[in-house]
Amino acid sequence: MATADGNRPHTKRDLAYETRHDIGGEASLSETVIDAVATAENVDPTSCDLGLYESVDLEALDALFDRRSSDDHWRFEFSVDEYLVTVTGDGRVTVCESR
């Protein structure tokens, strides 16, 4: 399930991985998300199916991020496998264990 503005609080004990997308870098936001989920699952992002394509349209996520407003006050959440992935307008990507 994806939501544009979830209110689920994250605690340190369910945090699996957190990173920040390099806004000026060459990688797309979806690449950062793929790497974050792969890191949380402790797998190689190029050699496995993380199930992301069944959970979220990564091209749409890239477009949303590329067209974000200057205030960057938005949050997008979706579930993949046993994780809740949160992406914010400032480029933060958080992967937490779902319970």
PDB file of N, CA and C in Angstrom:
ATOM      1  N   MET A   1       0.837  -1.172   0.000  1.00  0.00           N
ATOM      2  CA  MET A   1       0.000   0.000   0.000  1.00  0.00           C
ATOM      3  C   MET A   1       0.886   1.240   0.000  1.00  0.00           C
ATOM      4  N   ALA A   2       0.559   2.191  -0.812  1.00  0.00           N
ATOM      5  CA  ALA A   2       1.331   3.428  -0.876  1.00  0.00           C
ATOM      6  C   ALA A   2       0.469   4.579  -0.390  1.00  0.00           C
ATOM      7  N   THR A   3       1.120   5.518   0.240  1.00  0.00           N
ATOM      8  CA  THR A   3       0.416   6.705   0.700  1.00  0.00           C
ATOM      9  C   THR A   3       1.296   7.919   0.475  1.00  0.00           C
ATOM     10  N   ALA A   4       0.676   9.015   0.166  1.00  0.00           N
ATOM     11  CA  ALA A   4       1.445  10.227  -0.070  1.00  0.00           C
ATOM     12  C   ALA A   4       1.793  10.935   1.228  1.00  0.00           C
ATOM     13  N   ASP A   5       1.111  10.606   2.288  1.00  0.00           N
ATOM     14  CA  ASP A   5       1.398  11.263   3.557  1.00  0.00           C
ATOM     15  C   ASP A   5       1.013  10.339   4.703  1.00  0.00           C
ATOM     16  N   GLY A   6       1.908   9.427   5.058  1.00  0.00           N
ATOM     17  CA  GLY A   6       1.645   8.519   6.166  1.00  0.00           C
ATOM     18  C   GLY A   6       2.074   9.127   7.477  1.00  0.00           C
ATOM     19  N   ASN A   7       1.510   8.635   8.558  1.00  0.00           N
ATOM     20  CA  ASN A   7       1.854   9.148   9.877  1.00  0.00           C
ATOM     21  C   ASN A   7       2.453   8.079  10.771  1.00  0.00           C
ATOM     22  N   ARG A   8       2.932   6.978  10.199  1.00  0.00           N
ATOM     23  CA  ARG A   8       3.480   5.898  10.999  1.00  0.00           C
ATOM     24  C   ARG A   8       4.815   6.333  11.582  1.00  0.00           C
ATOM     25  N   PRO A   9       4.950   6.342  12.899  1.00  0.00           N
ATOM     26  CA  PRO A   9       6.229   6.715  13.503  1.00  0.00           C
ATOM     27  C   PRO A   9       7.239   5.583  13.378  1.00  0.00           C
ATOM     28  N   HIS A  10       8.488   5.930  13.219  1.00  0.00           N
ATOM     29  CA  HIS A  10       9.559   4.941  13.139  1.00  0.00           C
ATOM     30  C   HIS A  10      10.357   4.982  14.427  1.00  0.00           C
ATOM     31  N   THR A  11      10.706   3.818  14.903  1.00  0.00           N
ATOM     32  CA  THR A  11      11.547   3.742  16.079  1.00  0.00           C
ATOM     33  C   THR A  11      12.897   3.167  15.675  1.00  0.00           C
ATOM     34  N   LYS A  12      13.890   3.381  16.492  1.00  0.00           N
ATOM     35  CA  LYS A  12      15.231   2.889  16.193  1.00  0.00           C
ATOM     36  C   LYS A  12      15.257   1.371  16.051  1.00  0.00           C
ATOM     37  N   ARG A  13      14.415   0.669  16.785  1.00  0.00           N
ATOM     38  CA  ARG A  13      14.489  -0.792  16.739  1.00  0.00           C
ATOM     39  C   ARG A  13      13.948  -1.385  15.454  1.00  0.00           C
ATOM     40  N   ASP A  14      13.077  -0.688  14.734  1.00  0.00           N
ATOM     41  CA  ASP A  14      12.587  -1.251  13.486  1.00  0.00           C
ATOM     42  C   ASP A  14      13.237  -0.632  12.258  1.00  0.00           C
ATOM     43  N   LEU A  15      14.186   0.277  12.443  1.00  0.00           N
ATOM     44  CA  LEU A  15      14.912   0.874  11.336  1.00  0.00           C
ATOM     45  C   LEU A  15      15.887  -0.156  10.767  1.00  0.00           C
ATOM     46  N   ALA A  16      15.749  -0.465   9.484  1.00  0.00           N
ATOM     47  CA  ALA A  16      16.650  -1.413   8.831  1.00  0.00           C
ATOM     48  C   ALA A  16      17.772  -0.695   8.098  1.00  0.00           C
ATOM     49  N   TYR A  17      17.457   0.461   7.490  1.00  0.00           N
ATOM     50  CA  TYR A  17      18.472   1.207   6.753  1.00  0.00           C
ATOM     51  C   TYR A  17      17.935   2.599   6.455  1.00  0.00           C
ATOM     52  N   GLU A  18      18.823   3.587   6.472  1.00  0.00           N
ATOM     53  CA  GLU A  18      18.437   4.947   6.114  1.00  0.00           C
ATOM     54  C   GLU A  18      19.572   5.593   5.339  1.00  0.00           C
ATOM     55  N   THR A  19      19.227   6.350   4.311  1.00  0.00           N
ATOM     56  CA  THR A  19      20.216   7.045   3.495  1.00  0.00           C
ATOM     57  C   THR A  19      19.593   8.332   2.971  1.00  0.00           C
ATOM     58  N   ARG A  20      20.393   9.109   2.332  1.00  0.00           N
ATOM     59  CA  ARG A  20      19.896  10.335   1.698  1.00  0.00           C
ATOM     60  C   ARG A  20      20.302  10.303   0.228  1.00  0.00           C
ATOM     61  N   HIS A  21      19.327  10.553  -0.630  1.00  0.00           N
ATOM     62  CA  HIS A  21      19.577  10.603  -2.064  1.00  0.00           C
ATOM     63  C   HIS A  21      20.411  11.836  -2.386  1.00  0.00           C
ATOM     64  N   ASP A  22      21.437  11.671  -3.214  1.00  0.00           N
ATOM     65  CA  ASP A  22      22.274  12.786  -3.646  1.00  0.00           C
ATOM     66  C   ASP A  22      21.538  13.527  -4.761  1.00  0.00           C
ATOM     67  N   ILE A  23      20.896  14.622  -4.397  1.00  0.00           N
ATOM     68  CA  ILE A  23      20.040  15.357  -5.328  1.00  0.00           C
ATOM     69  C   ILE A  23      20.828  15.832  -6.550  1.00  0.00           C
ATOM     70  N   GLY A  24      22.073  16.218  -6.375  1.00  0.00           N
ATOM     71  CA  GLY A  24      22.887  16.691  -7.490  1.00  0.00           C
ATOM     72  C   GLY A  24      23.664  15.596  -8.198  1.00  0.00           C
ATOM     73  N   GLY A  25      23.537  14.378  -7.723  1.00  0.00           N
ATOM     74  CA  GLY A  25      24.303  13.270  -8.290  1.00  0.00           C
ATOM     75  C   GLY A  25      23.699  12.707  -9.560  1.00  0.00           C
ATOM     76  N   GLU A  26      24.367  11.717 -10.115  1.00  0.00           N
ATOM     77  CA  GLU A  26      23.930  11.116 -11.370  1.00  0.00           C
ATOM     78  C   GLU A  26      22.878  10.028 -11.185  1.00  0.00           C
ATOM     79  N   ALA A  27      22.804   9.424 -10.023  1.00  0.00           N
ATOM     80  CA  ALA A  27      21.839   8.346  -9.786  1.00  0.00           C
ATOM     81  C   ALA A  27      20.431   8.917  -9.638  1.00  0.00           C
ATOM     82  N   SER A  28      19.455   8.158 -10.098  1.00  0.00           N
ATOM     83  CA  SER A  28      18.060   8.560  -9.923  1.00  0.00           C
ATOM     84  C   SER A  28      17.600   8.201  -8.513  1.00  0.00           C
ATOM     85  N   LEU A  29      16.503   8.780  -8.100  1.00  0.00           N
ATOM     86  CA  LEU A  29      15.938   8.444  -6.796  1.00  0.00           C
ATOM     87  C   LEU A  29      15.593   6.968  -6.739  1.00  0.00           C
ATOM     88  N   SER A  30      15.060   6.412  -7.817  1.00  0.00           N
ATOM     89  CA  SER A  30      14.699   4.991  -7.803  1.00  0.00           C
ATOM     90  C   SER A  30      15.928   4.108  -7.593  1.00  0.00           C
ATOM     91  N   GLU A  31      17.077   4.499  -8.131  1.00  0.00           N
ATOM     92  CA  GLU A  31      18.306   3.742  -7.891  1.00  0.00           C
ATOM     93  C   GLU A  31      18.691   3.782  -6.418  1.00  0.00           C
ATOM     94  N   THR A  32      18.516   4.933  -5.790  1.00  0.00           N
ATOM     95  CA  THR A  32      18.797   5.060  -4.359  1.00  0.00           C
ATOM     96  C   THR A  32      17.846   4.180  -3.560  1.00  0.00           C
ATOM     97  N   VAL A  33      16.577   4.138  -3.943  1.00  0.00           N
ATOM     98  CA  VAL A  33      15.586   3.297  -3.257  1.00  0.00           C
ATOM     99  C   VAL A  33      15.946   1.824  -3.428  1.00  0.00           C
ATOM    100  N   ILE A  34      16.294   1.412  -4.636  1.00  0.00           N
ATOM    101  CA  ILE A  34      16.681   0.018  -4.885  1.00  0.00           C
ATOM    102  C   ILE A  34      17.881  -0.361  -4.019  1.00  0.00           C
ATOM    103  N   ASP A  35      18.883   0.488  -3.978  1.00  0.00           N
ATOM    104  CA  ASP A  35      20.070   0.218  -3.159  1.00  0.00           C
ATOM    105  C   ASP A  35      19.714   0.143  -1.672  1.00  0.00           C
ATOM    106  N   ALA A  36      18.821   1.019  -1.213  1.00  0.00           N
ATOM    107  CA  ALA A  36      18.436   1.033   0.200  1.00  0.00           C
ATOM    108  C   ALA A  36      17.715  -0.255   0.584  1.00  0.00           C
ATOM    109  N   VAL A  37      16.777  -0.699  -0.242  1.00  0.00           N
ATOM    110  CA  VAL A  37      16.043  -1.939   0.059  1.00  0.00           C
ATOM    111  C   VAL A  37      16.986  -3.135  -0.013  1.00  0.00           C
ATOM    112  N   ALA A  38      17.860  -3.164  -1.002  1.00  0.00           N
ATOM    113  CA  ALA A  38      18.825  -4.261  -1.116  1.00  0.00           C
ATOM    114  C   ALA A  38      19.747  -4.306   0.090  1.00  0.00           C
ATOM    115  N   THR A  39      20.183  -3.145   0.564  1.00  0.00           N
ATOM    116  CA  THR A  39      21.040  -3.091   1.749  1.00  0.00           C
ATOM    117  C   THR A  39      20.294  -3.603   2.976  1.00  0.00           C
ATOM    118  N   ALA A  40      19.035  -3.194   3.135  1.00  0.00           N
ATOM    119  CA  ALA A  40      18.239  -3.656   4.275  1.00  0.00           C
ATOM    120  C   ALA A  40      18.058  -5.169   4.235  1.00  0.00           C
ATOM    121  N   GLU A  41      17.908  -5.720   3.027  1.00  0.00           N
ATOM    122  CA  GLU A  41      17.725  -7.163   2.884  1.00  0.00           C
ATOM    123  C   GLU A  41      19.042  -7.914   2.796  1.00  0.00           C
ATOM    124  N   ASN A  42      20.164  -7.162   2.779  1.00  0.00           N
ATOM    125  CA  ASN A  42      21.501  -7.749   2.696  1.00  0.00           C
ATOM    126  C   ASN A  42      21.673  -8.605   1.444  1.00  0.00           C
ATOM    127  N   VAL A  43      21.258  -8.037   0.295  1.00  0.00           N
ATOM    128  CA  VAL A  43      21.394  -8.717  -0.987  1.00  0.00           C
ATOM    129  C   VAL A  43      21.999  -7.760  -2.007  1.00  0.00           C
ATOM    130  N   ASP A  44      22.497  -8.314  -3.095  1.00  0.00           N
ATOM    131  CA  ASP A  44      23.046  -7.517  -4.192  1.00  0.00           C
ATOM    132  C   ASP A  44      21.880  -6.958  -5.018  1.00  0.00           C
ATOM    133  N   PRO A  45      21.812  -5.643  -5.189  1.00  0.00           N
ATOM    134  CA  PRO A  45      20.674  -5.064  -5.910  1.00  0.00           C
ATOM    135  C   PRO A  45      20.628  -5.429  -7.394  1.00  0.00           C
ATOM    136  N   THR A  46      21.744  -5.884  -7.970  1.00  0.00           N
ATOM    137  CA  THR A  46      21.763  -6.220  -9.396  1.00  0.00           C
ATOM    138  C   THR A  46      21.458  -7.684  -9.673  1.00  0.00           C
ATOM    139  N   SER A  47      21.445  -8.523  -8.653  1.00  0.00           N
ATOM    140  CA  SER A  47      21.297  -9.957  -8.905  1.00  0.00           C
ATOM    141  C   SER A  47      20.012 -10.552  -8.336  1.00  0.00           C
ATOM    142  N   CYS A  48      19.094  -9.706  -7.919  1.00  0.00           N
ATOM    143  CA  CYS A  48      17.890 -10.276  -7.332  1.00  0.00           C
ATOM    144  C   CYS A  48      16.674  -9.431  -7.676  1.00  0.00           C
ATOM    145  N   ASP A  49      15.517 -10.045  -7.516  1.00  0.00           N
ATOM    146  CA  ASP A  49      14.253  -9.344  -7.685  1.00  0.00           C
ATOM    147  C   ASP A  49      13.781  -8.925  -6.306  1.00  0.00           C
ATOM    148  N   LEU A  50      13.821  -7.653  -6.029  1.00  0.00           N
ATOM    149  CA  LEU A  50      13.445  -7.146  -4.712  1.00  0.00           C
ATOM    150  C   LEU A  50      11.933  -6.980  -4.557  1.00  0.00           C
ATOM    151  N   GLY A  51      11.180  -7.203  -5.611  1.00  0.00           N
ATOM    152  CA  GLY A  51       9.737  -7.046  -5.528  1.00  0.00           C
ATOM    153  C   GLY A  51       9.282  -5.596  -5.583  1.00  0.00           C
ATOM    154  N   LEU A  52      10.200  -4.690  -5.875  1.00  0.00           N
ATOM    155  CA  LEU A  52       9.843  -3.270  -5.896  1.00  0.00           C
ATOM    156  C   LEU A  52       8.845  -2.949  -6.998  1.00  0.00           C
ATOM    157  N   TYR A  53       8.989  -3.587  -8.159  1.00  0.00           N
ATOM    158  CA  TYR A  53       8.119  -3.255  -9.283  1.00  0.00           C
ATOM    159  C   TYR A  53       6.666  -3.662  -9.038  1.00  0.00           C
ATOM    160  N   GLU A  54       6.446  -4.613  -8.145  1.00  0.00           N
ATOM    161  CA  GLU A  54       5.086  -4.992  -7.771  1.00  0.00           C
ATOM    162  C   GLU A  54       4.519  -4.040  -6.715  1.00  0.00           C
ATOM    163  N   SER A  55       5.393  -3.300  -6.048  1.00  0.00           N
ATOM    164  CA  SER A  55       4.986  -2.436  -4.939  1.00  0.00           C
ATOM    165  C   SER A  55       4.799  -0.981  -5.333  1.00  0.00           C
ATOM    166  N   VAL A  56       5.604  -0.500  -6.270  1.00  0.00           N
ATOM    167  CA  VAL A  56       5.587   0.921  -6.602  1.00  0.00           C
ATOM    168  C   VAL A  56       6.082   1.114  -8.036  1.00  0.00           C
ATOM    169  N   ASP A  57       5.560   2.124  -8.693  1.00  0.00           N
ATOM    170  CA  ASP A  57       6.035   2.503 -10.018  1.00  0.00           C
ATOM    171  C   ASP A  57       7.246   3.415  -9.815  1.00  0.00           C
ATOM    172  N   LEU A  58       8.432   2.870 -10.014  1.00  0.00           N
ATOM    173  CA  LEU A  58       9.657   3.618  -9.742  1.00  0.00           C
ATOM    174  C   LEU A  58       9.834   4.804 -10.691  1.00  0.00           C
ATOM    175  N   GLU A  59       9.364   4.693 -11.920  1.00  0.00           N
ATOM    176  CA  GLU A  59       9.437   5.833 -12.841  1.00  0.00           C
ATOM    177  C   GLU A  59       8.547   6.971 -12.353  1.00  0.00           C
ATOM    178  N   ALA A  60       7.375   6.636 -11.830  1.00  0.00           N
ATOM    179  CA  ALA A  60       6.481   7.666 -11.286  1.00  0.00           C
ATOM    180  C   ALA A  60       7.099   8.304 -10.043  1.00  0.00           C
ATOM    181  N   LEU A  61       7.771   7.502  -9.217  1.00  0.00           N
ATOM    182  CA  LEU A  61       8.450   8.046  -8.044  1.00  0.00           C
ATOM    183  C   LEU A  61       9.550   9.014  -8.462  1.00  0.00           C
ATOM    184  N   ASP A  62      10.320   8.653  -9.488  1.00  0.00           N
ATOM    185  CA  ASP A  62      11.350   9.564 -10.004  1.00  0.00           C
ATOM    186  C   ASP A  62      10.720  10.867 -10.505  1.00  0.00           C
ATOM    187  N   ALA A  63       9.616  10.759 -11.226  1.00  0.00           N
ATOM    188  CA  ALA A  63       8.944  11.951 -11.758  1.00  0.00           C
ATOM    189  C   ALA A  63       8.418  12.827 -10.625  1.00  0.00           C
ATOM    190  N   LEU A  64       7.840  12.204  -9.599  1.00  0.00           N
ATOM    191  CA  LEU A  64       7.353  12.953  -8.448  1.00  0.00           C
ATOM    192  C   LEU A  64       8.491  13.719  -7.797  1.00  0.00           C
ATOM    193  N   PHE A  65       9.614  13.062  -7.619  1.00  0.00           N
ATOM    194  CA  PHE A  65      10.761  13.702  -6.984  1.00  0.00           C
ATOM    195  C   PHE A  65      11.331  14.813  -7.864  1.00  0.00           C
ATOM    196  N   ASP A  66      11.425  14.562  -9.167  1.00  0.00           N
ATOM    197  CA  ASP A  66      11.978  15.566 -10.084  1.00  0.00           C
ATOM    198  C   ASP A  66      11.107  16.812 -10.163  1.00  0.00           C
ATOM    199  N   ARG A  67       9.810  16.656  -9.919  1.00  0.00           N
ATOM    200  CA  ARG A  67       8.878  17.787 -10.026  1.00  0.00           C
ATOM    201  C   ARG A  67       8.464  18.338  -8.663  1.00  0.00           C
ATOM    202  N   ARG A  68       9.197  17.988  -7.623  1.00  0.00           N
ATOM    203  CA  ARG A  68       8.837  18.422  -6.277  1.00  0.00           C
ATOM    204  C   ARG A  68       8.907  19.941  -6.166  1.00  0.00           C
ATOM    205  N   SER A  69       8.164  20.460  -5.232  1.00  0.00           N
ATOM    206  CA  SER A  69       8.167  21.907  -5.014  1.00  0.00           C
ATOM    207  C   SER A  69       9.408  22.309  -4.226  1.00  0.00           C
ATOM    208  N   SER A  70       9.650  23.586  -4.172  1.00  0.00           N
ATOM    209  CA  SER A  70      10.846  24.079  -3.498  1.00  0.00           C
ATOM    210  C   SER A  70      10.803  23.877  -1.988  1.00  0.00           C
ATOM    211  N   ASP A  71       9.607  23.662  -1.411  1.00  0.00           N
ATOM    212  CA  ASP A  71       9.541  23.474   0.043  1.00  0.00           C
ATOM    213  C   ASP A  71       9.858  22.047   0.476  1.00  0.00           C
ATOM    214  N   ASP A  72       9.821  21.104  -0.457  1.00  0.00           N
ATOM    215  CA  ASP A  72      10.192  19.705  -0.188  1.00  0.00           C
ATOM    216  C   ASP A  72       9.388  19.049   0.933  1.00  0.00           C
ATOM    217  N   HIS A  73       8.205  19.532   1.249  1.00  0.00           N
ATOM    218  CA  HIS A  73       7.417  18.969   2.344  1.00  0.00           C
ATOM    219  C   HIS A  73       6.422  17.933   1.845  1.00  0.00           C
ATOM    220  N   TRP A  74       6.924  16.790   1.468  1.00  0.00           N
ATOM    221  CA  TRP A  74       6.056  15.674   1.131  1.00  0.00           C
ATOM    222  C   TRP A  74       6.741  14.381   1.537  1.00  0.00           C
ATOM    223  N   ARG A  75       5.927  13.353   1.643  1.00  0.00           N
ATOM    224  CA  ARG A  75       6.422  12.043   2.056  1.00  0.00           C
ATOM    225  C   ARG A  75       5.628  10.987   1.307  1.00  0.00           C
ATOM    226  N   PHE A  76       6.316   9.990   0.819  1.00  0.00           N
ATOM    227  CA  PHE A  76       5.673   8.900   0.094  1.00  0.00           C
ATOM    228  C   PHE A  76       6.113   7.594   0.740  1.00  0.00           C
ATOM    229  N   GLU A  77       5.146   6.748   1.073  1.00  0.00           N
ATOM    230  CA  GLU A  77       5.449   5.467   1.711  1.00  0.00           C
ATOM    231  C   GLU A  77       4.859   4.321   0.897  1.00  0.00           C
ATOM    232  N   PHE A  78       5.577   3.205   0.900  1.00  0.00           N
ATOM    233  CA  PHE A  78       5.050   1.992   0.283  1.00  0.00           C
ATOM    234  C   PHE A  78       5.681   0.785   0.967  1.00  0.00           C
ATOM    235  N   SER A  79       5.003  -0.341   0.867  1.00  0.00           N
ATOM    236  CA  SER A  79       5.489  -1.584   1.454  1.00  0.00           C
ATOM    237  C   SER A  79       6.094  -2.454   0.370  1.00  0.00           C
ATOM    238  N   VAL A  80       7.178  -3.101   0.719  1.00  0.00           N
ATOM    239  CA  VAL A  80       7.798  -4.103  -0.140  1.00  0.00           C
ATOM    240  C   VAL A  80       8.298  -5.219   0.767  1.00  0.00           C
ATOM    241  N   ASP A  81       7.836  -6.427   0.489  1.00  0.00           N
ATOM    242  CA  ASP A  81       8.136  -7.574   1.336  1.00  0.00           C
ATOM    243  C   ASP A  81       7.800  -7.228   2.788  1.00  0.00           C
ATOM    244  N   GLU A  82       8.753  -7.385   3.698  1.00  0.00           N
ATOM    245  CA  GLU A  82       8.467  -7.096   5.104  1.00  0.00           C
ATOM    246  C   GLU A  82       8.938  -5.711   5.529  1.00  0.00           C
ATOM    247  N   TYR A  83       9.092  -4.804   4.569  1.00  0.00           N
ATOM    248  CA  TYR A  83       9.604  -3.471   4.863  1.00  0.00           C
ATOM    249  C   TYR A  83       8.618  -2.371   4.480  1.00  0.00           C
ATOM    250  N   LEU A  84       8.697  -1.271   5.210  1.00  0.00           N
ATOM    251  CA  LEU A  84       8.004  -0.047   4.873  1.00  0.00           C
ATOM    252  C   LEU A  84       9.080   0.933   4.412  1.00  0.00           C
ATOM    253  N   VAL A  85       8.949   1.420   3.183  1.00  0.00           N
ATOM    254  CA  VAL A  85       9.924   2.347   2.612  1.00  0.00           C
ATOM    255  C   VAL A  85       9.298   3.735   2.608  1.00  0.00           C
ATOM    256  N   THR A  86      10.025   4.709   3.139  1.00  0.00           N
ATOM    257  CA  THR A  86       9.567   6.092   3.175  1.00  0.00           C
ATOM    258  C   THR A  86      10.559   6.954   2.418  1.00  0.00           C
ATOM    259  N   VAL A  87      10.045   7.755   1.488  1.00  0.00           N
ATOM    260  CA  VAL A  87      10.853   8.691   0.718  1.00  0.00           C
ATOM    261  C   VAL A  87      10.301  10.080   0.993  1.00  0.00           C
ATOM    262  N   THR A  88      11.182  11.021   1.328  1.00  0.00           N
ATOM    263  CA  THR A  88      10.741  12.390   1.594  1.00  0.00           C
ATOM    264  C   THR A  88      11.260  13.337   0.518  1.00  0.00           C
ATOM    265  N   GLY A  89      10.650  14.487   0.436  1.00  0.00           N
ATOM    266  CA  GLY A  89      10.991  15.468  -0.578  1.00  0.00           C
ATOM    267  C   GLY A  89      12.410  15.985  -0.508  1.00  0.00           C
ATOM    268  N   ASP A  90      13.041  15.864   0.651  1.00  0.00           N
ATOM    269  CA  ASP A  90      14.433  16.312   0.764  1.00  0.00           C
ATOM    270  C   ASP A  90      15.433  15.212   0.406  1.00  0.00           C
ATOM    271  N   GLY A  91      14.928  14.049  -0.043  1.00  0.00           N
ATOM    272  CA  GLY A  91      15.797  12.978  -0.499  1.00  0.00           C
ATOM    273  C   GLY A  91      16.100  11.892   0.505  1.00  0.00           C
ATOM    274  N   ARG A  92      15.501  11.948   1.696  1.00  0.00           N
ATOM    275  CA  ARG A  92      15.748  10.909   2.693  1.00  0.00           C
ATOM    276  C   ARG A  92      14.977   9.648   2.314  1.00  0.00           C
ATOM    277  N   VAL A  93      15.665   8.509   2.387  1.00  0.00           N
ATOM    278  CA  VAL A  93      15.061   7.200   2.106  1.00  0.00           C
ATOM    279  C   VAL A  93      15.250   6.353   3.352  1.00  0.00           C
ATOM    280  N   THR A  94      14.136   5.913   3.941  1.00  0.00           N
ATOM    281  CA  THR A  94      14.176   5.113   5.155  1.00  0.00           C
ATOM    282  C   THR A  94      13.502   3.773   4.895  1.00  0.00           C
ATOM    283  N   VAL A  95      14.144   2.704   5.314  1.00  0.00           N
ATOM    284  CA  VAL A  95      13.595   1.346   5.177  1.00  0.00           C
ATOM    285  C   VAL A  95      13.443   0.803   6.591  1.00  0.00           C
ATOM    286  N   CYS A  96      12.199   0.518   6.979  1.00  0.00           N
ATOM    287  CA  CYS A  96      11.909  -0.011   8.309  1.00  0.00           C
ATOM    288  C   CYS A  96      11.214  -1.363   8.188  1.00  0.00           C
ATOM    289  N   GLU A  97      11.445  -2.184   9.182  1.00  0.00           N
ATOM    290  CA  GLU A  97      10.753  -3.461   9.225  1.00  0.00           C
ATOM    291  C   GLU A  97       9.283  -3.217   9.527  1.00  0.00           C
ATOM    292  N   SER A  98       8.404  -3.876   8.770  1.00  0.00           N
ATOM    293  CA  SER A  98       6.973  -3.786   9.040  1.00  0.00           C
ATOM    294  C   SER A  98       6.634  -4.748  10.167  1.00  0.00           C
ATOM    295  N   ARG A  99       5.686  -4.376  10.977  1.00  0.00           N
ATOM    296  CA  ARG A  99       5.265  -5.262  12.075  1.00  0.00           C
ATOM    297  C   ARG A  99       3.785  -5.413  12.064  1.00  0.00           C
TER     298      ARG A  99
END
